Amino acid sequence: MSRLVSLPCEGSPTIIKALRVLLLEDSEADAALIQDELQRSEMPTLLKRVDSEEEFSAALAEFAPDVVLSAHMLSTFDSRAALTILRAERPTTPLIFVTDSLNG
């Protein structure tokens, strides 16, 4: 499931390029928490959420993220595999693990 959300930045009179964040997360609840935190930062953000390897690979090419936030374990995919794909496709794009545990 792929979804694109624009998170507004209130009170900024200047035009700022939105940070393009690719979120690799299969939990609706966790994705909502991350979206809330990004919105609270008041930084203009364009957030695209994906939850499969196929969507992730496509989003790297089509969405061209500035940063990737990744859950460590997904139902059919994990952050290590995501990092391997990211390094091959967009080697200068950072990946940040967002998880409550690195076990498993």
Protein backbone atom coordinates (compact mmCIF):
# COMPACT_ATOMS: atom_id res chain seq x y z
CA MET A 1 0.00 0.00 0.00
CA SER A 2 1.53 3.29 -1.10
CA ARG A 3 0.29 6.62 0.20
CA LEU A 4 1.56 10.19 -0.27
CA VAL A 5 0.88 12.86 2.36
CA SER A 6 1.92 16.51 2.33
CA LEU A 7 2.55 17.77 5.86
CA PRO A 8 2.13 21.56 6.03
CA CYS A 9 4.48 23.99 7.66
CA GLU A 10 2.54 26.73 9.42
CA GLY A 11 3.78 30.25 9.96
CA SER A 12 6.62 30.24 7.44
CA PRO A 13 6.46 33.24 5.09
CA THR A 14 9.30 31.97 2.91
CA ILE A 15 9.11 29.14 0.45
CA ILE A 16 11.06 26.14 1.69
CA LYS A 17 11.61 22.97 -0.29
CA ALA A 18 9.72 20.16 1.39
CA LEU A 19 11.78 17.29 2.76
CA ARG A 20 10.88 14.18 0.76
CA VAL A 21 10.57 11.32 3.27
CA LEU A 22 10.05 7.74 2.16
CA LEU A 23 8.59 5.70 5.02
CA LEU A 24 8.95 1.93 4.84
CA GLU A 25 6.38 0.79 7.41
CA ASP A 26 3.64 -1.85 7.39
CA SER A 27 1.92 -0.81 10.63
CA GLU A 28 -0.81 1.82 10.24
CA ALA A 29 -0.45 2.80 13.91
CA ASP A 30 3.34 3.22 13.72
CA ALA A 31 3.06 5.15 10.46
CA ALA A 32 0.54 7.51 12.10
CA LEU A 33 2.91 8.12 15.03
CA ILE A 34 5.77 8.94 12.68
CA GLN A 35 3.55 11.21 10.59
CA ASP A 36 2.44 13.04 13.75
CA GLU A 37 6.05 13.57 14.84
CA LEU A 38 7.04 14.90 11.43
CA GLN A 39 4.06 17.26 11.46
CA ARG A 40 4.96 18.46 14.95
CA SER A 41 8.44 19.37 13.70
CA GLU A 42 6.84 22.12 11.58
CA MET A 43 9.22 21.29 8.75
CA PRO A 44 7.51 21.09 5.36
CA THR A 45 7.49 17.41 4.56
CA LEU A 46 6.25 15.28 1.70
CA LEU A 47 5.77 11.79 3.13
CA LYS A 48 5.33 8.68 1.01
CA ARG A 49 4.59 5.44 2.82
CA VAL A 50 5.24 2.02 1.31
CA ASP A 51 5.10 -1.44 2.85
CA SER A 52 6.61 -3.86 0.34
CA GLU A 53 9.89 -4.42 -1.46
CA GLU A 54 8.27 -3.73 -4.84
CA GLU A 55 6.75 -0.43 -3.70
CA PHE A 56 10.02 0.54 -2.02
CA SER A 57 12.07 -0.01 -5.17
CA ALA A 58 9.55 1.88 -7.30
CA ALA A 59 9.38 4.79 -4.85
CA LEU A 60 13.16 5.19 -4.83
CA ALA A 61 13.04 5.86 -8.56
CA GLU A 62 9.76 7.76 -8.84
CA PHE A 63 9.59 9.68 -5.54
CA ALA A 64 13.34 10.40 -5.19
CA PRO A 65 13.40 10.73 -1.40
CA ASP A 66 15.79 12.92 0.56
CA VAL A 67 15.72 10.41 3.42
CA VAL A 68 14.29 6.95 4.11
CA LEU A 69 12.74 6.01 7.46
CA SER A 70 12.43 2.26 7.82
CA ALA A 71 10.85 -0.14 10.26
CA HIS A 72 13.33 -2.86 11.14
CA MET A 73 11.04 -5.83 10.52
CA LEU A 74 8.13 -5.91 8.11
CA SER A 75 5.95 -8.90 7.32
CA THR A 76 7.75 -9.70 4.04
CA PHE A 77 10.78 -7.41 4.03
CA ASP A 78 13.35 -6.01 6.47
CA SER A 79 15.55 -2.96 6.90
CA ARG A 80 18.75 -4.78 5.95
CA ALA A 81 17.29 -5.68 2.57
CA ALA A 82 16.01 -2.12 2.21
CA LEU A 83 19.49 -0.77 2.92
CA THR A 84 21.00 -3.05 0.27
CA ILE A 85 18.49 -1.83 -2.32
CA LEU A 86 18.91 1.80 -1.26
CA ARG A 87 22.72 1.62 -1.56
CA ALA A 88 22.40 0.20 -5.07
CA GLU A 89 19.76 2.67 -6.28
CA ARG A 90 20.46 5.90 -4.32
CA PRO A 91 23.80 5.52 -2.54
CA THR A 92 23.83 9.03 -1.02
CA THR A 93 20.33 8.88 0.47
CA PRO A 94 20.40 8.23 4.23
CA LEU A 95 18.34 5.50 5.87
CA ILE A 96 17.19 5.86 9.48
CA PHE A 97 15.89 2.83 11.35
CA VAL A 98 12.68 3.57 13.26
CA THR A 99 11.95 0.70 15.62
CA ASP A 100 11.33 -0.29 19.20
CA SER A 101 13.64 -3.30 18.91
CA LEU A 102 16.48 -4.54 16.70
CA ASN A 103 15.94 -8.16 17.77
CA GLY A 104 14.63 -10.68 15.33
